[in-house]
Amino acid sequence: MNHIFEQHKKWINIAKTFGADDLAEDFVQDSYIKILNKEKVNESFFYFVLRSTIADHFRKEKRECKFHIWVYWYSYTCKRNKSTY
């Protein structure tokens, strides 16, 4: 696995291409943790783990954003309806 760790800057640059500018280092570190107990890891596998880690983060962020929008809409609608009674 040392060959993966030796390419740390490469992985950070790849993470940045996925849109993870400020969090690229964090995503690479999280991906290292995910492969820590694997016996055989090649670059393709690590690339897949890194991409999945970033995609999961953005998917979760998108879901949380939708929830916040829904809560705002719901609270706005309730306030508006109460004032009309």
Protein backbone atom coordinates (compact mmCIF):
# COMPACT_ATOMS: atom_id res chain seq x y z
CA MET A 1 0.00 0.00 0.00
CA ASN A 2 2.98 2.30 0.23
CA HIS A 3 2.76 2.95 -3.50
CA ILE A 4 -0.68 4.49 -2.88
CA PHE A 5 0.52 6.68 -0.02
CA GLU A 6 3.54 7.88 -2.00
CA GLN A 7 1.19 9.45 -4.55
CA HIS A 8 -0.57 11.63 -2.01
CA LYS A 9 -0.40 14.85 -4.04
CA LYS A 10 -1.75 13.04 -7.09
CA TRP A 11 -4.78 11.87 -5.11
CA ILE A 12 -5.41 15.36 -3.79
CA ASN A 13 -5.35 16.75 -7.33
CA ILE A 14 -7.75 14.04 -8.47
CA ALA A 15 -10.08 14.85 -5.58
CA LYS A 16 -10.01 18.51 -6.62
CA THR A 17 -11.09 17.55 -10.14
CA PHE A 18 -14.18 15.97 -8.61
CA GLY A 19 -15.12 19.36 -7.13
CA ALA A 20 -13.73 18.84 -3.65
CA ASP A 21 -11.47 21.88 -3.58
CA ASP A 22 -11.28 22.72 0.12
CA LEU A 23 -12.01 19.20 1.36
CA ALA A 24 -9.70 17.29 -0.98
CA GLU A 25 -7.19 16.46 1.75
CA ASP A 26 -9.96 15.22 4.04
CA PHE A 27 -11.43 12.99 1.35
CA VAL A 28 -8.04 11.45 0.58
CA GLN A 29 -7.44 10.79 4.28
CA ASP A 30 -10.91 9.21 4.63
CA SER A 31 -10.15 7.01 1.64
CA TYR A 32 -6.85 5.92 3.21
CA ILE A 33 -8.76 4.82 6.29
CA LYS A 34 -11.21 2.83 4.18
CA ILE A 35 -8.43 0.81 2.51
CA LEU A 36 -6.30 0.38 5.61
CA ASN A 37 -7.30 -3.23 6.28
CA LYS A 38 -7.27 -4.37 2.65
CA GLU A 39 -4.50 -6.73 1.62
CA LYS A 40 -4.11 -5.82 -2.03
CA VAL A 41 -4.84 -2.30 -3.21
CA ASN A 42 -3.98 -1.00 -6.64
CA GLU A 43 -4.41 2.50 -8.05
CA SER A 44 -7.67 1.66 -9.78
CA PHE A 45 -9.25 0.43 -6.57
CA PHE A 46 -8.08 3.47 -4.62
CA TYR A 47 -9.41 5.75 -7.36
CA PHE A 48 -12.80 4.02 -7.02
CA VAL A 49 -12.74 4.40 -3.22
CA LEU A 50 -11.80 8.07 -3.47
CA ARG A 51 -14.49 8.79 -6.05
CA SER A 52 -17.10 6.96 -3.97
CA THR A 53 -16.10 8.83 -0.81
CA ILE A 54 -16.54 12.18 -2.53
CA ALA A 55 -19.79 11.17 -4.24
CA ASP A 56 -21.24 9.95 -0.93
CA HIS A 57 -20.38 13.27 0.70
CA PHE A 58 -22.06 15.33 -2.02
CA ARG A 59 -25.06 13.01 -2.12
CA LYS A 60 -25.50 13.40 1.64
CA GLU A 61 -25.02 17.18 1.38
CA LYS A 62 -27.66 17.37 -1.36
CA ARG A 63 -30.11 15.35 0.74
CA GLU A 64 -29.54 17.62 3.75
CA CYS A 65 -30.04 20.69 1.57
CA LYS A 66 -33.38 19.36 0.30
CA PHE A 67 -34.44 18.68 3.88
CA HIS A 68 -33.56 22.23 4.97
CA ILE A 69 -35.48 23.67 2.02
CA TRP A 70 -38.49 21.52 2.88
CA VAL A 71 -38.39 22.58 6.56
CA TYR A 72 -38.16 26.23 5.53
CA TRP A 73 -41.06 25.84 3.10
CA TYR A 74 -43.16 24.00 5.67
CA SER A 75 -42.54 26.55 8.42
CA TYR A 76 -43.21 29.42 5.99
CA THR A 77 -46.47 27.83 4.83
CA CYS A 78 -47.63 27.24 8.40
CA LYS A 79 -46.87 30.83 9.40
CA ARG A 80 -48.66 32.17 6.35
CA ASN A 81 -51.74 29.99 6.91
CA LYS A 82 -52.01 30.95 10.59
CA SER A 83 -52.04 34.64 9.75
CA THR A 84 -55.03 34.24 7.41
CA TYR A 85 -57.34 32.80 10.09
